[in-house]
mmCIF file of all heavy atoms, coordinates in Angstrom:
data_MODEL
# 
_entry.id   MODEL 
# 
loop_
_atom_site.group_PDB 
_atom_site.id 
_atom_site.type_symbol 
_atom_site.label_atom_id 
_atom_site.label_alt_id 
_atom_site.label_comp_id 
_atom_site.label_asym_id 
_atom_site.label_entity_id 
_atom_site.label_seq_id 
_atom_site.pdbx_PDB_ins_code 
_atom_site.Cartn_x 
_atom_site.Cartn_y 
_atom_site.Cartn_z 
_atom_site.occupancy 
_atom_site.B_iso_or_equiv 
_atom_site.pdbx_formal_charge 
_atom_site.auth_seq_id 
_atom_site.auth_comp_id 
_atom_site.auth_asym_id 
_atom_site.auth_atom_id 
_atom_site.pdbx_PDB_model_num 
ATOM 1   N N   . TRP A 1 1  ? 84.681  86.711  132.356 1.00 0.00 ? 1  TRP A N   1 
ATOM 2   C CA  . TRP A 1 1  ? 85.355  85.478  131.971 1.00 0.00 ? 1  TRP A CA  1 
ATOM 3   C C   . TRP A 1 1  ? 85.310  85.260  130.477 1.00 0.00 ? 1  TRP A C   1 
ATOM 4   O O   . TRP A 1 1  ? 86.249  84.712  129.892 1.00 0.00 ? 1  TRP A O   1 
ATOM 5   C CB  . TRP A 1 1  ? 84.727  84.300  132.719 1.00 0.00 ? 1  TRP A CB  1 
ATOM 6   C CG  . TRP A 1 1  ? 85.030  84.365  134.172 1.00 0.00 ? 1  TRP A CG  1 
ATOM 7   C CD1 . TRP A 1 1  ? 84.179  84.632  135.198 1.00 0.00 ? 1  TRP A CD1 1 
ATOM 8   C CD2 . TRP A 1 1  ? 86.325  84.202  134.773 1.00 0.00 ? 1  TRP A CD2 1 
ATOM 9   N NE1 . TRP A 1 1  ? 84.830  84.647  136.396 1.00 0.00 ? 1  TRP A NE1 1 
ATOM 10  C CE2 . TRP A 1 1  ? 86.157  84.379  136.172 1.00 0.00 ? 1  TRP A CE2 1 
ATOM 11  C CE3 . TRP A 1 1  ? 87.589  83.921  134.270 1.00 0.00 ? 1  TRP A CE3 1 
ATOM 12  C CZ2 . TRP A 1 1  ? 87.214  84.278  137.057 1.00 0.00 ? 1  TRP A CZ2 1 
ATOM 13  C CZ3 . TRP A 1 1  ? 88.648  83.825  135.162 1.00 0.00 ? 1  TRP A CZ3 1 
ATOM 14  C CH2 . TRP A 1 1  ? 88.460  84.003  136.532 1.00 0.00 ? 1  TRP A CH2 1 
ATOM 15  N N   . ARG A 1 2  ? 84.214  85.697  129.812 1.00 0.00 ? 2  ARG A N   1 
ATOM 16  C CA  . ARG A 1 2  ? 84.169  85.565  128.360 1.00 0.00 ? 2  ARG A CA  1 
ATOM 17  C C   . ARG A 1 2  ? 85.241  86.441  127.723 1.00 0.00 ? 2  ARG A C   1 
ATOM 18  O O   . ARG A 1 2  ? 85.889  86.066  126.765 1.00 0.00 ? 2  ARG A O   1 
ATOM 19  C CB  . ARG A 1 2  ? 82.786  85.936  127.831 1.00 0.00 ? 2  ARG A CB  1 
ATOM 20  C CG  . ARG A 1 2  ? 82.613  85.651  126.342 1.00 0.00 ? 2  ARG A CG  1 
ATOM 21  C CD  . ARG A 1 2  ? 81.247  86.098  125.876 1.00 0.00 ? 2  ARG A CD  1 
ATOM 22  N NE  . ARG A 1 2  ? 80.191  85.353  126.514 1.00 0.00 ? 2  ARG A NE  1 
ATOM 23  C CZ  . ARG A 1 2  ? 79.728  84.184  126.080 1.00 0.00 ? 2  ARG A CZ  1 
ATOM 24  N NH1 . ARG A 1 2  ? 80.250  83.642  125.003 1.00 0.00 ? 2  ARG A NH1 1 
ATOM 25  N NH2 . ARG A 1 2  ? 78.759  83.570  126.717 1.00 0.00 ? 2  ARG A NH2 1 
ATOM 26  N N   . LYS A 1 3  ? 85.404  87.659  128.270 1.00 0.00 ? 3  LYS A N   1 
ATOM 27  C CA  . LYS A 1 3  ? 86.446  88.543  127.743 1.00 0.00 ? 3  LYS A CA  1 
ATOM 28  C C   . LYS A 1 3  ? 87.830  87.971  128.011 1.00 0.00 ? 3  LYS A C   1 
ATOM 29  O O   . LYS A 1 3  ? 88.727  88.051  127.182 1.00 0.00 ? 3  LYS A O   1 
ATOM 30  C CB  . LYS A 1 3  ? 86.328  89.927  128.381 1.00 0.00 ? 3  LYS A CB  1 
ATOM 31  C CG  . LYS A 1 3  ? 85.081  90.689  127.963 1.00 0.00 ? 3  LYS A CG  1 
ATOM 32  C CD  . LYS A 1 3  ? 84.949  91.967  128.759 1.00 0.00 ? 3  LYS A CD  1 
ATOM 33  C CE  . LYS A 1 3  ? 83.671  92.711  128.411 1.00 0.00 ? 3  LYS A CE  1 
ATOM 34  N NZ  . LYS A 1 3  ? 83.468  93.900  129.240 1.00 0.00 ? 3  LYS A NZ  1 
ATOM 35  N N   . MET A 1 4  ? 87.999  87.380  129.207 1.00 0.00 ? 4  MET A N   1 
ATOM 36  C CA  . MET A 1 4  ? 89.299  86.826  129.571 1.00 0.00 ? 4  MET A CA  1 
ATOM 37  C C   . MET A 1 4  ? 89.648  85.627  128.697 1.00 0.00 ? 4  MET A C   1 
ATOM 38  O O   . MET A 1 4  ? 90.730  85.543  128.114 1.00 0.00 ? 4  MET A O   1 
ATOM 39  C CB  . MET A 1 4  ? 89.267  86.414  131.041 1.00 0.00 ? 4  MET A CB  1 
ATOM 40  C CG  . MET A 1 4  ? 90.519  85.705  131.520 1.00 0.00 ? 4  MET A CG  1 
ATOM 41  S SD  . MET A 1 4  ? 91.975  86.762  131.442 1.00 0.00 ? 4  MET A SD  1 
ATOM 42  C CE  . MET A 1 4  ? 93.236  85.625  132.051 1.00 0.00 ? 4  MET A CE  1 
ATOM 43  N N   . LEU A 1 5  ? 88.708  84.696  128.574 1.00 0.00 ? 5  LEU A N   1 
ATOM 44  C CA  . LEU A 1 5  ? 88.977  83.473  127.825 1.00 0.00 ? 5  LEU A CA  1 
ATOM 45  C C   . LEU A 1 5  ? 88.880  83.684  126.325 1.00 0.00 ? 5  LEU A C   1 
ATOM 46  O O   . LEU A 1 5  ? 89.367  82.871  125.554 1.00 0.00 ? 5  LEU A O   1 
ATOM 47  C CB  . LEU A 1 5  ? 87.999  82.377  128.266 1.00 0.00 ? 5  LEU A CB  1 
ATOM 48  C CG  . LEU A 1 5  ? 88.121  81.968  129.740 1.00 0.00 ? 5  LEU A CG  1 
ATOM 49  C CD1 . LEU A 1 5  ? 87.092  80.913  130.077 1.00 0.00 ? 5  LEU A CD1 1 
ATOM 50  C CD2 . LEU A 1 5  ? 89.519  81.470  130.052 1.00 0.00 ? 5  LEU A CD2 1 
ATOM 51  N N   . GLY A 1 6  ? 88.235  84.762  125.898 1.00 0.00 ? 6  GLY A N   1 
ATOM 52  C CA  . GLY A 1 6  ? 88.147  85.058  124.473 1.00 0.00 ? 6  GLY A CA  1 
ATOM 53  C C   . GLY A 1 6  ? 89.048  86.186  124.063 1.00 0.00 ? 6  GLY A C   1 
ATOM 54  O O   . GLY A 1 6  ? 88.822  86.839  123.059 1.00 0.00 ? 6  GLY A O   1 
ATOM 55  N N   . GLY A 1 7  ? 90.097  86.431  124.868 1.00 0.00 ? 7  GLY A N   1 
ATOM 56  C CA  . GLY A 1 7  ? 90.965  87.566  124.604 1.00 0.00 ? 7  GLY A CA  1 
ATOM 57  C C   . GLY A 1 7  ? 91.790  87.453  123.348 1.00 0.00 ? 7  GLY A C   1 
ATOM 58  O O   . GLY A 1 7  ? 92.356  88.432  122.882 1.00 0.00 ? 7  GLY A O   1 
ATOM 59  N N   . ASP A 1 8  ? 91.892  86.232  122.781 1.00 0.00 ? 8  ASP A N   1 
ATOM 60  C CA  . ASP A 1 8  ? 92.679  86.070  121.566 1.00 0.00 ? 8  ASP A CA  1 
ATOM 61  C C   . ASP A 1 8  ? 91.880  86.387  120.313 1.00 0.00 ? 8  ASP A C   1 
ATOM 62  O O   . ASP A 1 8  ? 92.386  86.248  119.204 1.00 0.00 ? 8  ASP A O   1 
ATOM 63  C CB  . ASP A 1 8  ? 93.219  84.641  121.477 1.00 0.00 ? 8  ASP A CB  1 
ATOM 64  C CG  . ASP A 1 8  ? 92.103  83.617  121.421 1.00 0.00 ? 8  ASP A CG  1 
ATOM 65  O OD1 . ASP A 1 8  ? 91.042  83.874  122.010 1.00 0.00 ? 8  ASP A OD1 1 
ATOM 66  O OD2 . ASP A 1 8  ? 92.296  82.566  120.783 1.00 0.00 ? 8  ASP A OD2 1 
ATOM 67  N N   . VAL A 1 9  ? 90.626  86.821  120.461 1.00 0.00 ? 9  VAL A N   1 
ATOM 68  C CA  . VAL A 1 9  ? 89.769  87.168  119.331 1.00 0.00 ? 9  VAL A CA  1 
ATOM 69  C C   . VAL A 1 9  ? 89.843  88.669  119.088 1.00 0.00 ? 9  VAL A C   1 
ATOM 70  O O   . VAL A 1 9  ? 89.759  89.462  120.028 1.00 0.00 ? 9  VAL A O   1 
ATOM 71  C CB  . VAL A 1 9  ? 88.315  86.736  119.596 1.00 0.00 ? 9  VAL A CB  1 
ATOM 72  C CG1 . VAL A 1 9  ? 87.416  87.131  118.434 1.00 0.00 ? 9  VAL A CG1 1 
ATOM 73  C CG2 . VAL A 1 9  ? 88.249  85.236  119.838 1.00 0.00 ? 9  VAL A CG2 1 
ATOM 74  N N   . ASP A 1 10 ? 90.008  89.067  117.826 1.00 0.00 ? 10 ASP A N   1 
ATOM 75  C CA  . ASP A 1 10 ? 90.065  90.476  117.458 1.00 0.00 ? 10 ASP A CA  1 
ATOM 76  C C   . ASP A 1 10 ? 88.649  91.033  117.369 1.00 0.00 ? 10 ASP A C   1 
ATOM 77  O O   . ASP A 1 10 ? 87.904  90.719  116.443 1.00 0.00 ? 10 ASP A O   1 
ATOM 78  C CB  . ASP A 1 10 ? 90.786  90.646  116.130 1.00 0.00 ? 10 ASP A CB  1 
ATOM 79  C CG  . ASP A 1 10 ? 91.001  92.114  115.771 1.00 0.00 ? 10 ASP A CG  1 
ATOM 80  O OD1 . ASP A 1 10 ? 90.511  92.990  116.526 1.00 0.00 ? 10 ASP A OD1 1 
ATOM 81  O OD2 . ASP A 1 10 ? 91.637  92.394  114.748 1.00 0.00 ? 10 ASP A OD2 1 
ATOM 82  N N   . ARG A 1 11 ? 88.261  91.855  118.353 1.00 0.00 ? 11 ARG A N   1 
ATOM 83  C CA  . ARG A 1 11 ? 86.923  92.448  118.364 1.00 0.00 ? 11 ARG A CA  1 
ATOM 84  C C   . ARG A 1 11 ? 86.977  93.950  118.085 1.00 0.00 ? 11 ARG A C   1 
ATOM 85  O O   . ARG A 1 11 ? 86.029  94.671  118.395 1.00 0.00 ? 11 ARG A O   1 
ATOM 86  C CB  . ARG A 1 11 ? 86.250  92.202  119.714 1.00 0.00 ? 11 ARG A CB  1 
ATOM 87  C CG  . ARG A 1 11 ? 85.926  90.740  120.023 1.00 0.00 ? 11 ARG A CG  1 
ATOM 88  C CD  . ARG A 1 11 ? 85.110  90.642  121.301 1.00 0.00 ? 11 ARG A CD  1 
ATOM 89  N NE  . ARG A 1 11 ? 84.665  89.296  121.561 1.00 0.00 ? 11 ARG A NE  1 
ATOM 90  C CZ  . ARG A 1 11 ? 85.325  88.408  122.305 1.00 0.00 ? 11 ARG A CZ  1 
ATOM 91  N NH1 . ARG A 1 11 ? 86.489  88.752  122.827 1.00 0.00 ? 11 ARG A NH1 1 
ATOM 92  N NH2 . ARG A 1 11 ? 84.851  87.204  122.512 1.00 0.00 ? 11 ARG A NH2 1 
ATOM 93  N N   . THR A 1 12 ? 88.069  94.410  117.535 1.00 0.00 ? 12 THR A N   1 
ATOM 94  C CA  . THR A 1 12 ? 88.228  95.856  117.344 1.00 0.00 ? 12 THR A CA  1 
ATOM 95  C C   . THR A 1 12 ? 87.344  96.406  116.240 1.00 0.00 ? 12 THR A C   1 
ATOM 96  O O   . THR A 1 12 ? 87.191  97.628  116.130 1.00 0.00 ? 12 THR A O   1 
ATOM 97  C CB  . THR A 1 12 ? 89.697  96.187  117.028 1.00 0.00 ? 12 THR A CB  1 
ATOM 98  O OG1 . THR A 1 12 ? 90.124  95.418  115.886 1.00 0.00 ? 12 THR A OG1 1 
ATOM 99  C CG2 . THR A 1 12 ? 90.588  95.856  118.209 1.00 0.00 ? 12 THR A CG2 1 
ATOM 100 N N   . TYR A 1 13 ? 86.777  95.532  115.398 1.00 0.00 ? 13 TYR A N   1 
ATOM 101 C CA  . TYR A 1 13 ? 85.871  96.023  114.362 1.00 0.00 ? 13 TYR A CA  1 
ATOM 102 C C   . TYR A 1 13 ? 84.464  96.242  114.906 1.00 0.00 ? 13 TYR A C   1 
ATOM 103 O O   . TYR A 1 13 ? 83.726  97.087  114.415 1.00 0.00 ? 13 TYR A O   1 
ATOM 104 C CB  . TYR A 1 13 ? 85.819  95.035  113.188 1.00 0.00 ? 13 TYR A CB  1 
ATOM 105 C CG  . TYR A 1 13 ? 87.087  94.997  112.384 1.00 0.00 ? 13 TYR A CG  1 
ATOM 106 C CD1 . TYR A 1 13 ? 87.988  93.947  112.526 1.00 0.00 ? 13 TYR A CD1 1 
ATOM 107 C CD2 . TYR A 1 13 ? 87.406  96.012  111.489 1.00 0.00 ? 13 TYR A CD2 1 
ATOM 108 C CE1 . TYR A 1 13 ? 89.158  93.908  111.789 1.00 0.00 ? 13 TYR A CE1 1 
ATOM 109 C CE2 . TYR A 1 13 ? 88.576  95.981  110.753 1.00 0.00 ? 13 TYR A CE2 1 
ATOM 110 C CZ  . TYR A 1 13 ? 89.444  94.924  110.899 1.00 0.00 ? 13 TYR A CZ  1 
ATOM 111 O OH  . TYR A 1 13 ? 90.598  94.901  110.175 1.00 0.00 ? 13 TYR A OH  1 
ATOM 112 N N   . SER A 1 14 ? 84.066  95.475  115.908 1.00 0.00 ? 14 SER A N   1 
ATOM 113 C CA  . SER A 1 14 ? 82.711  95.578  116.448 1.00 0.00 ? 14 SER A CA  1 
ATOM 114 C C   . SER A 1 14 ? 82.631  96.438  117.698 1.00 0.00 ? 14 SER A C   1 
ATOM 115 O O   . SER A 1 14 ? 81.534  96.745  118.155 1.00 0.00 ? 14 SER A O   1 
ATOM 116 C CB  . SER A 1 14 ? 82.178  94.170  116.764 1.00 0.00 ? 14 SER A CB  1 
ATOM 117 O OG  . SER A 1 14 ? 83.015  93.507  117.702 1.00 0.00 ? 14 SER A OG  1 
ATOM 118 N N   . ARG A 1 15 ? 83.782  96.827  118.274 1.00 0.00 ? 15 ARG A N   1 
ATOM 119 C CA  . ARG A 1 15 ? 83.777  97.645  119.484 1.00 0.00 ? 15 ARG A CA  1 
ATOM 120 C C   . ARG A 1 15 ? 84.677  98.863  119.305 1.00 0.00 ? 15 ARG A C   1 
ATOM 121 O O   . ARG A 1 15 ? 85.652  98.821  118.566 1.00 0.00 ? 15 ARG A O   1 
ATOM 122 C CB  . ARG A 1 15 ? 84.300  96.841  120.681 1.00 0.00 ? 15 ARG A CB  1 
ATOM 123 C CG  . ARG A 1 15 ? 83.400  95.712  121.117 1.00 0.00 ? 15 ARG A CG  1 
ATOM 124 C CD  . ARG A 1 15 ? 84.068  94.961  122.249 1.00 0.00 ? 15 ARG A CD  1 
ATOM 125 N NE  . ARG A 1 15 ? 83.221  93.912  122.765 1.00 0.00 ? 15 ARG A NE  1 
ATOM 126 C CZ  . ARG A 1 15 ? 83.654  92.949  123.566 1.00 0.00 ? 15 ARG A CZ  1 
ATOM 127 N NH1 . ARG A 1 15 ? 84.926  92.923  123.914 1.00 0.00 ? 15 ARG A NH1 1 
ATOM 128 N NH2 . ARG A 1 15 ? 82.827  92.031  124.009 1.00 0.00 ? 15 ARG A NH2 1 
ATOM 129 N N   . LYS A 1 16 ? 84.345  99.920  120.023 1.00 0.00 ? 16 LYS A N   1 
ATOM 130 C CA  . LYS A 1 16 ? 85.216  101.085 120.027 1.00 0.00 ? 16 LYS A CA  1 
ATOM 131 C C   . LYS A 1 16 ? 86.523  100.766 120.737 1.00 0.00 ? 16 LYS A C   1 
ATOM 132 O O   . LYS A 1 16 ? 87.585  101.245 120.346 1.00 0.00 ? 16 LYS A O   1 
ATOM 133 C CB  . LYS A 1 16 ? 84.512  102.258 120.701 1.00 0.00 ? 16 LYS A CB  1 
ATOM 134 C CG  . LYS A 1 16 ? 83.339  102.821 119.916 1.00 0.00 ? 16 LYS A CG  1 
ATOM 135 C CD  . LYS A 1 16 ? 82.751  104.031 120.611 1.00 0.00 ? 16 LYS A CD  1 
ATOM 136 C CE  . LYS A 1 16 ? 81.598  104.619 119.803 1.00 0.00 ? 16 LYS A CE  1 
ATOM 137 N NZ  . LYS A 1 16 ? 80.997  105.809 120.473 1.00 0.00 ? 16 LYS A NZ  1 
ATOM 138 N N   . PHE A 1 17 ? 86.415  99.969  121.815 1.00 0.00 ? 17 PHE A N   1 
ATOM 139 C CA  . PHE A 1 17 ? 87.604  99.636  122.599 1.00 0.00 ? 17 PHE A CA  1 
ATOM 140 C C   . PHE A 1 17 ? 87.439  98.216  123.108 1.00 0.00 ? 17 PHE A C   1 
ATOM 141 O O   . PHE A 1 17 ? 86.512  97.915  123.859 1.00 0.00 ? 17 PHE A O   1 
ATOM 142 C CB  . PHE A 1 17 ? 87.768  100.613 123.765 1.00 0.00 ? 17 PHE A CB  1 
ATOM 143 C CG  . PHE A 1 17 ? 89.060  100.450 124.520 1.00 0.00 ? 17 PHE A CG  1 
ATOM 144 C CD1 . PHE A 1 17 ? 90.239  100.922 123.986 1.00 0.00 ? 17 PHE A CD1 1 
ATOM 145 C CD2 . PHE A 1 17 ? 89.087  99.827  125.754 1.00 0.00 ? 17 PHE A CD2 1 
ATOM 146 C CE1 . PHE A 1 17 ? 91.435  100.775 124.672 1.00 0.00 ? 17 PHE A CE1 1 
ATOM 147 C CE2 . PHE A 1 17 ? 90.273  99.672  126.453 1.00 0.00 ? 17 PHE A CE2 1 
ATOM 148 C CZ  . PHE A 1 17 ? 91.449  100.155 125.905 1.00 0.00 ? 17 PHE A CZ  1 
ATOM 149 N N   . ASP A 1 18 ? 88.307  97.322  122.688 1.00 0.00 ? 18 ASP A N   1 
ATOM 150 C CA  . ASP A 1 18 ? 88.258  95.918  123.078 1.00 0.00 ? 18 ASP A CA  1 
ATOM 151 C C   . ASP A 1 18 ? 89.284  95.698  124.189 1.00 0.00 ? 18 ASP A C   1 
ATOM 152 O O   . ASP A 1 18 ? 90.487  95.745  123.950 1.00 0.00 ? 18 ASP A O   1 
ATOM 153 C CB  . ASP A 1 18 ? 88.562  95.034  121.868 1.00 0.00 ? 18 ASP A CB  1 
ATOM 154 C CG  . ASP A 1 18 ? 88.635  93.568  122.236 1.00 0.00 ? 18 ASP A CG  1 
ATOM 155 O OD1 . ASP A 1 18 ? 88.001  93.182  123.240 1.00 0.00 ? 18 ASP A OD1 1 
ATOM 156 O OD2 . ASP A 1 18 ? 89.325  92.811  121.531 1.00 0.00 ? 18 ASP A OD2 1 
ATOM 157 N N   . PHE A 1 19 ? 88.809  95.454  125.406 1.00 0.00 ? 19 PHE A N   1 
ATOM 158 C CA  . PHE A 1 19 ? 89.734  95.368  126.529 1.00 0.00 ? 19 PHE A CA  1 
ATOM 159 C C   . PHE A 1 19 ? 89.536  94.061  127.285 1.00 0.00 ? 19 PHE A C   1 
ATOM 160 O O   . PHE A 1 19 ? 88.497  93.400  127.212 1.00 0.00 ? 19 PHE A O   1 
ATOM 161 C CB  . PHE A 1 19 ? 89.531  96.546  127.495 1.00 0.00 ? 19 PHE A CB  1 
ATOM 162 C CG  . PHE A 1 19 ? 88.253  96.469  128.292 1.00 0.00 ? 19 PHE A CG  1 
ATOM 163 C CD1 . PHE A 1 19 ? 88.228  95.870  129.540 1.00 0.00 ? 19 PHE A CD1 1 
ATOM 164 C CD2 . PHE A 1 19 ? 87.076  96.995  127.790 1.00 0.00 ? 19 PHE A CD2 1 
ATOM 165 C CE1 . PHE A 1 19 ? 87.056  95.789  130.263 1.00 0.00 ? 19 PHE A CE1 1 
ATOM 166 C CE2 . PHE A 1 19 ? 85.898  96.927  128.508 1.00 0.00 ? 19 PHE A CE2 1 
ATOM 167 C CZ  . PHE A 1 19 ? 85.883  96.323  129.748 1.00 0.00 ? 19 PHE A CZ  1 
ATOM 168 N N   . SER A 1 20 ? 90.566  93.701  128.022 1.00 0.00 ? 20 SER A N   1 
ATOM 169 C CA  . SER A 1 20 ? 90.526  92.569  128.946 1.00 0.00 ? 20 SER A CA  1 
ATOM 170 C C   . SER A 1 20 ? 91.284  92.977  130.199 1.00 0.00 ? 20 SER A C   1 
ATOM 171 O O   . SER A 1 20 ? 92.257  93.738  130.140 1.00 0.00 ? 20 SER A O   1 
ATOM 172 C CB  . SER A 1 20 ? 91.157  91.321  128.335 1.00 0.00 ? 20 SER A CB  1 
ATOM 173 O OG  . SER A 1 20 ? 90.414  90.865  127.230 1.00 0.00 ? 20 SER A OG  1 
ATOM 174 N N   . ALA A 1 21 ? 90.842  92.467  131.335 1.00 0.00 ? 21 ALA A N   1 
ATOM 175 C CA  . ALA A 1 21 ? 91.481  92.772  132.612 1.00 0.00 ? 21 ALA A CA  1 
ATOM 176 C C   . ALA A 1 21 ? 91.750  91.470  133.347 1.00 0.00 ? 21 ALA A C   1 
ATOM 177 O O   . ALA A 1 21 ? 90.986  90.511  133.240 1.00 0.00 ? 21 ALA A O   1 
ATOM 178 C CB  . ALA A 1 21 ? 90.599  93.685  133.450 1.00 0.00 ? 21 ALA A CB  1 
ATOM 179 N N   . ALA A 1 22 ? 92.831  91.448  134.081 1.00 0.00 ? 22 ALA A N   1 
ATOM 180 C CA  . ALA A 1 22 ? 93.162  90.234  134.822 1.00 0.00 ? 22 ALA A CA  1 
ATOM 181 C C   . ALA A 1 22 ? 94.140  90.564  135.936 1.00 0.00 ? 22 ALA A C   1 
ATOM 182 O O   . ALA A 1 22 ? 94.903  91.541  135.857 1.00 0.00 ? 22 ALA A O   1 
ATOM 183 C CB  . ALA A 1 22 ? 93.764  89.181  133.901 1.00 0.00 ? 22 ALA A CB  1 
ATOM 184 N N   . ALA A 1 23 ? 94.091  89.756  136.975 1.00 0.00 ? 23 ALA A N   1 
ATOM 185 C CA  . ALA A 1 23 ? 95.090  89.768  138.026 1.00 0.00 ? 23 ALA A CA  1 
ATOM 186 C C   . ALA A 1 23 ? 95.879  88.473  137.905 1.00 0.00 ? 23 ALA A C   1 
ATOM 187 O O   . ALA A 1 23 ? 95.294  87.391  137.823 1.00 0.00 ? 23 ALA A O   1 
ATOM 188 C CB  . ALA A 1 23 ? 94.439  89.875  139.399 1.00 0.00 ? 23 ALA A CB  1 
ATOM 189 N N   . VAL A 1 24 ? 97.189  88.574  137.848 1.00 0.00 ? 24 VAL A N   1 
ATOM 190 C CA  . VAL A 1 24 ? 98.020  87.399  137.622 1.00 0.00 ? 24 VAL A CA  1 
ATOM 191 C C   . VAL A 1 24 ? 99.144  87.356  138.652 1.00 0.00 ? 24 VAL A C   1 
ATOM 192 O O   . VAL A 1 24 ? 99.613  88.401  139.131 1.00 0.00 ? 24 VAL A O   1 
ATOM 193 C CB  . VAL A 1 24 ? 98.639  87.418  136.203 1.00 0.00 ? 24 VAL A CB  1 
ATOM 194 C CG1 . VAL A 1 24 ? 97.558  87.299  135.151 1.00 0.00 ? 24 VAL A CG1 1 
ATOM 195 C CG2 . VAL A 1 24 ? 99.464  88.674  135.982 1.00 0.00 ? 24 VAL A CG2 1 
ATOM 196 N N   . PRO A 1 25 ? 99.592  86.170  139.034 1.00 0.00 ? 25 PRO A N   1 
ATOM 197 C CA  . PRO A 1 25 ? 100.765 86.081  139.906 1.00 0.00 ? 25 PRO A CA  1 
ATOM 198 C C   . PRO A 1 25 ? 102.000 86.572  139.170 1.00 0.00 ? 25 PRO A C   1 
ATOM 199 O O   . PRO A 1 25 ? 102.085 86.502  137.943 1.00 0.00 ? 25 PRO A O   1 
ATOM 200 C CB  . PRO A 1 25 ? 100.842 84.589  140.234 1.00 0.00 ? 25 PRO A CB  1 
ATOM 201 C CG  . PRO A 1 25 ? 100.140 83.920  139.108 1.00 0.00 ? 25 PRO A CG  1 
ATOM 202 C CD  . PRO A 1 25 ? 99.061  84.853  138.675 1.00 0.00 ? 25 PRO A CD  1 
ATOM 203 N N   . ARG A 1 26 ? 102.949 87.048  139.905 1.00 0.00 ? 26 ARG A N   1 
ATOM 204 C CA  . ARG A 1 26 ? 104.176 87.585  139.307 1.00 0.00 ? 26 ARG A CA  1 
ATOM 205 C C   . ARG A 1 26 ? 105.357 87.153  140.164 1.00 0.00 ? 26 ARG A C   1 
ATOM 206 O O   . ARG A 1 26 ? 105.258 87.057  141.395 1.00 0.00 ? 26 ARG A O   1 
ATOM 207 C CB  . ARG A 1 26 ? 104.105 89.110  139.221 1.00 0.00 ? 26 ARG A CB  1 
ATOM 208 C CG  . ARG A 1 26 ? 105.345 89.781  138.651 1.00 0.00 ? 26 ARG A CG  1 
ATOM 209 C CD  . ARG A 1 26 ? 105.222 91.288  138.661 1.00 0.00 ? 26 ARG A CD  1 
ATOM 210 N NE  . ARG A 1 26 ? 106.476 91.919  138.334 1.00 0.00 ? 26 ARG A NE  1 
ATOM 211 C CZ  . ARG A 1 26 ? 106.852 92.292  137.124 1.00 0.00 ? 26 ARG A CZ  1 
ATOM 212 N NH1 . ARG A 1 26 ? 106.027 92.084  136.110 1.00 0.00 ? 26 ARG A NH1 1 
ATOM 213 N NH2 . ARG A 1 26 ? 108.021 92.860  136.901 1.00 0.00 ? 26 ARG A NH2 1 
ATOM 214 N N   . TYR A 1 27 ? 106.471 86.908  139.472 1.00 0.00 ? 27 TYR A N   1 
ATOM 215 C CA  . TYR A 1 27 ? 107.675 86.549  140.202 1.00 0.00 ? 27 TYR A CA  1 
ATOM 216 C C   . TYR A 1 27 ? 108.895 87.033  139.437 1.00 0.00 ? 27 TYR A C   1 
ATOM 217 O O   . TYR A 1 27 ? 108.962 86.906  138.204 1.00 0.00 ? 27 TYR A O   1 
ATOM 218 C CB  . TYR A 1 27 ? 107.786 85.037  140.408 1.00 0.00 ? 27 TYR A CB  1 
ATOM 219 C CG  . TYR A 1 27 ? 109.069 84.648  141.122 1.00 0.00 ? 27 TYR A CG  1 
ATOM 220 C CD1 . TYR A 1 27 ? 109.141 84.667  142.512 1.00 0.00 ? 27 TYR A CD1 1 
ATOM 221 C CD2 . TYR A 1 27 ? 110.211 84.312  140.404 1.00 0.00 ? 27 TYR A CD2 1 
ATOM 222 C CE1 . TYR A 1 27 ? 110.308 84.343  143.160 1.00 0.00 ? 27 TYR A CE1 1 
ATOM 223 C CE2 . TYR A 1 27 ? 111.393 83.978  141.041 1.00 0.00 ? 27 TYR A CE2 1 
ATOM 224 C CZ  . TYR A 1 27 ? 111.440 84.001  142.423 1.00 0.00 ? 27 TYR A CZ  1 
ATOM 225 O OH  . TYR A 1 27 ? 112.610 83.700  143.070 1.00 0.00 ? 27 TYR A OH  1 
# 
């Protein structure tokens, strides 16, 4: 949830790979 809710933060300098995962409704 921290990754999901903090997904707008650029963490590419402190991590090799900054990822987020989510399941969302689609239509």
